[in-house]
Amino acid sequence: MAGPVLYYVRHGETDWNAQGRLQGGRDTELNALGRVQAETAGRILRGLVRGDPGRLDFVASPMRRTRDTMEILRGTMGLPRDAYRLDPRLVEISFGDWEGRTWPELRDHDPEGAAAREADKWGYVPPGGESYAMLAERLAPVAAEIAHDTVMVAHGGVARALLTLIAGAPPERAPHYDIWQGRVLVVQDGHWRWV
């Protein structure tokens, strides 16, 4: 028997995404493109989900960009915008002192730290932040609790860590995966695909 399906949606674009800034724990808002991407994800989900979409578990990171994405996509699906739950364990990986900077700025400001992270993206802990390994540890209980078909709206880093936990993605490769905005990542029984 097939296991539960995870329909994973990364939040829509923010101005910081467009500028290439590390957001992490910063509570940024969707921009105009991000709102369109959330609607697009809702249309994709409407086409993917068979039967009553209200039967799915809907859960989001408590950050503003993820809540707004969830509410827009639920509205696009014809569902009440606010009928979902929040899970604080889904907040984005923390970049600590690096948040708000772009990678070129970081390479100038902290060349040794940037090089160390490039050499070990999974294990490196930015100053005051967390590594992907730490994020995966935080998310392990979330992964274990997925028992029903679920729509999850969270972040790029969260998706990469979850792919190691529920789909066998190699930890050394997962931090390099592109996690698209305005699309749906479908994960089931150790396999994943983009729609």
Protein backbone atom coordinates (compact mmCIF):
# COMPACT_ATOMS: atom_id res chain seq x y z
CA MET A 1 0.00 0.00 0.00
CA ALA A 2 1.30 3.44 -0.92
CA GLY A 3 2.35 5.75 1.87
CA PRO A 4 1.15 9.31 2.44
CA VAL A 5 1.89 11.98 -0.14
CA LEU A 6 3.70 15.15 0.88
CA TYR A 7 2.88 18.12 -1.34
CA TYR A 8 5.66 20.54 -0.46
CA VAL A 9 5.49 24.22 -1.43
CA ARG A 10 8.29 26.67 -0.85
CA HIS A 11 7.00 30.15 -0.01
CA GLY A 12 6.74 32.62 -2.87
CA GLU A 13 9.43 35.15 -3.66
CA THR A 14 10.30 37.97 -1.28
CA ASP A 15 12.33 41.07 -2.08
CA TRP A 16 15.24 39.48 -0.20
CA ASN A 17 15.02 36.39 -2.45
CA ALA A 18 15.15 38.69 -5.48
CA GLN A 19 18.22 40.46 -4.01
CA GLY A 20 19.93 37.17 -3.07
CA ARG A 21 19.89 37.98 0.66
CA LEU A 22 20.02 35.25 3.30
CA GLN A 23 16.67 35.36 5.08
CA GLY A 24 16.81 32.49 7.56
CA GLY A 25 14.90 33.61 10.63
CA ARG A 26 14.09 37.09 9.31
CA ASP A 27 10.33 37.50 8.90
CA THR A 28 10.12 38.90 5.38
CA GLU A 29 6.99 39.40 3.24
CA LEU A 30 6.01 38.12 -0.18
CA ASN A 31 6.47 40.51 -3.07
CA ALA A 32 4.10 40.75 -6.06
CA LEU A 33 5.77 37.85 -7.89
CA GLY A 34 5.65 35.79 -4.69
CA ARG A 35 1.87 36.23 -4.48
CA VAL A 36 1.52 35.10 -8.11
CA GLN A 37 3.72 32.07 -7.36
CA ALA A 38 1.47 31.17 -4.41
CA GLU A 39 -1.58 31.29 -6.70
CA THR A 40 0.27 29.12 -9.23
CA ALA A 41 1.04 26.54 -6.53
CA GLY A 42 -2.65 26.54 -5.54
CA ARG A 43 -3.70 25.87 -9.15
CA ILE A 44 -1.16 23.05 -9.43
CA LEU A 45 -2.43 21.51 -6.19
CA ARG A 46 -6.02 21.81 -7.34
CA GLY A 47 -5.07 19.71 -10.37
CA LEU A 48 -2.98 17.19 -8.42
CA VAL A 49 -5.29 16.40 -5.51
CA ARG A 50 -8.00 13.85 -6.22
CA GLY A 51 -11.24 14.09 -4.27
CA ASP A 52 -11.91 16.58 -1.50
CA PRO A 53 -8.80 18.72 -0.88
CA GLY A 54 -10.18 19.56 2.56
CA ARG A 55 -9.27 16.04 3.70
CA LEU A 56 -5.56 16.89 3.48
CA ASP A 57 -3.48 18.03 6.43
CA PHE A 58 -2.36 21.62 5.75
CA VAL A 59 0.62 22.83 7.78
CA ALA A 60 2.94 25.82 7.45
CA SER A 61 5.96 27.44 9.01
CA PRO A 62 4.78 30.32 11.23
CA MET A 63 6.76 32.92 9.29
CA ARG A 64 4.80 35.60 7.41
CA ARG A 65 6.04 34.59 3.95
CA THR A 66 4.89 30.99 4.47
CA ARG A 67 1.57 31.87 6.09
CA ASP A 68 0.72 34.26 3.26
CA THR A 69 1.69 31.63 0.66
CA MET A 70 -0.51 29.05 2.40
CA GLU A 71 -3.50 31.40 2.61
CA ILE A 72 -3.22 32.42 -1.04
CA LEU A 73 -2.89 28.84 -2.28
CA ARG A 74 -5.79 27.65 -0.11
CA GLY A 75 -7.96 30.47 -1.46
CA THR A 76 -6.95 29.49 -5.01
CA MET A 77 -7.99 25.90 -4.20
CA GLY A 78 -11.43 27.13 -3.07
CA LEU A 79 -10.73 26.38 0.61
CA PRO A 80 -11.08 28.68 3.66
CA ARG A 81 -7.85 30.66 3.74
CA ASP A 82 -7.19 30.28 7.47
CA ALA A 83 -8.02 26.58 8.08
CA TYR A 84 -4.48 25.21 8.51
CA ARG A 85 -2.06 24.65 11.35
CA LEU A 86 1.33 26.14 12.12
CA ASP A 87 4.38 24.17 13.20
CA PRO A 88 7.29 26.21 14.63
CA ARG A 89 9.71 23.37 13.82
CA LEU A 90 9.29 24.30 10.13
CA VAL A 91 11.01 27.70 10.42
CA GLU A 92 13.87 28.22 8.00
CA ILE A 93 17.46 27.24 8.75
CA SER A 94 19.13 30.01 10.74
CA PHE A 95 22.06 31.80 9.15
CA GLY A 96 22.68 33.67 12.42
CA ASP A 97 24.98 36.66 12.02
CA TRP A 98 24.97 36.21 8.24
CA GLU A 99 21.29 36.99 7.77
CA GLY A 100 20.55 40.00 5.60
CA ARG A 101 23.76 39.65 3.59
CA THR A 102 24.24 38.39 0.04
CA TRP A 103 26.82 35.69 -0.74
CA PRO A 104 29.17 38.21 -2.43
CA GLU A 105 28.95 40.41 0.70
CA LEU A 106 29.67 37.40 2.89
CA ARG A 107 32.69 36.38 0.86
CA ASP A 108 34.08 39.89 1.44
CA HIS A 109 33.03 40.12 5.10
CA ASP A 110 33.84 36.55 6.24
CA PRO A 111 35.88 34.83 3.52
CA GLU A 112 37.06 32.03 5.83
CA GLY A 113 33.53 31.25 7.03
CA ALA A 114 32.12 31.37 3.49
CA ALA A 115 34.86 29.01 2.26
CA ALA A 116 34.32 26.64 5.19
CA ARG A 117 30.59 26.48 4.47
CA GLU A 118 31.23 25.89 0.77
CA ALA A 119 33.50 22.96 1.72
CA ASP A 120 30.85 21.38 4.00
CA LYS A 121 27.38 22.82 3.43
CA TRP A 122 25.72 20.04 5.46
CA GLY A 123 27.84 20.34 8.60
CA TYR A 124 28.98 23.96 8.73
CA VAL A 125 27.42 26.15 11.44
CA PRO A 126 27.43 29.89 10.58
CA PRO A 127 28.18 32.22 13.51
CA GLY A 128 25.06 32.21 15.69
CA GLY A 129 23.22 29.99 13.19
CA GLU A 130 22.61 26.32 12.50
CA SER A 131 23.85 23.69 10.09
CA TYR A 132 21.74 21.53 7.79
CA ALA A 133 22.59 18.62 10.10
CA MET A 134 21.08 20.55 13.03
CA LEU A 135 18.04 21.47 10.90
CA ALA A 136 17.52 17.80 9.97
CA GLU A 137 17.63 16.88 13.67
CA ARG A 138 14.97 19.53 14.38
CA LEU A 139 12.82 18.23 11.51
CA ALA A 140 13.15 14.48 12.21
CA PRO A 141 10.03 14.41 14.44
CA VAL A 142 8.06 16.35 11.79
CA ALA A 143 9.04 13.78 9.15
CA ALA A 144 8.05 10.91 11.45
CA GLU A 145 4.62 12.47 12.07
CA ILE A 146 3.56 12.63 8.40
CA ALA A 147 0.80 10.01 8.47
CA HIS A 148 -1.74 11.49 6.03
CA ASP A 149 -1.55 13.25 2.67
CA THR A 150 -0.18 16.67 3.59
CA VAL A 151 0.30 20.09 2.03
CA MET A 152 3.30 21.71 3.70
CA VAL A 153 4.39 25.30 3.07
CA ALA A 154 7.84 26.11 4.34
CA HIS A 155 11.31 27.07 3.11
CA GLY A 156 14.10 26.01 0.77
CA GLY A 157 16.42 24.79 3.53
CA VAL A 158 13.60 22.88 5.19
CA ALA A 159 12.82 21.09 1.91
CA ARG A 160 16.45 20.03 1.45
CA ALA A 161 16.67 18.62 4.98
CA LEU A 162 13.31 16.84 4.66
CA LEU A 163 14.44 15.18 1.42
CA THR A 164 17.27 13.54 3.35
CA LEU A 165 14.85 12.36 6.04
CA ILE A 166 11.94 11.06 3.95
CA ALA A 167 13.37 10.42 0.49
CA GLY A 168 16.93 9.27 1.10
CA ALA A 169 18.65 12.27 -0.48
CA PRO A 170 22.38 12.15 0.31
CA PRO A 171 23.25 14.79 2.94
CA GLU A 172 26.31 15.93 1.01
CA ARG A 173 24.19 16.65 -2.09
CA ALA A 174 20.92 17.90 -0.58
CA PRO A 175 22.14 21.44 0.27
CA HIS A 176 22.85 21.96 -3.44
CA TYR A 177 19.32 21.09 -4.67
CA ASP A 178 17.29 23.86 -6.27
CA ILE A 179 13.97 24.29 -4.44
CA TRP A 180 11.65 26.15 -6.78
CA GLN A 181 9.07 28.78 -5.92
CA GLY A 182 5.68 28.58 -7.62
CA ARG A 183 5.89 24.80 -8.07
CA VAL A 184 4.94 21.75 -6.00
CA LEU A 185 7.41 19.11 -4.84
CA VAL A 186 5.56 15.78 -4.56
CA VAL A 187 7.22 13.24 -2.23
CA GLN A 188 5.94 9.70 -1.67
CA ASP A 189 7.53 6.40 -0.72
CA GLY A 190 11.10 7.66 -1.05
CA HIS A 191 10.61 9.29 -4.47
CA TRP A 192 10.15 12.93 -5.39
CA ARG A 193 9.21 14.93 -8.45
CA TRP A 194 8.44 18.54 -9.32
CA VAL A 195 5.08 19.59 -10.73
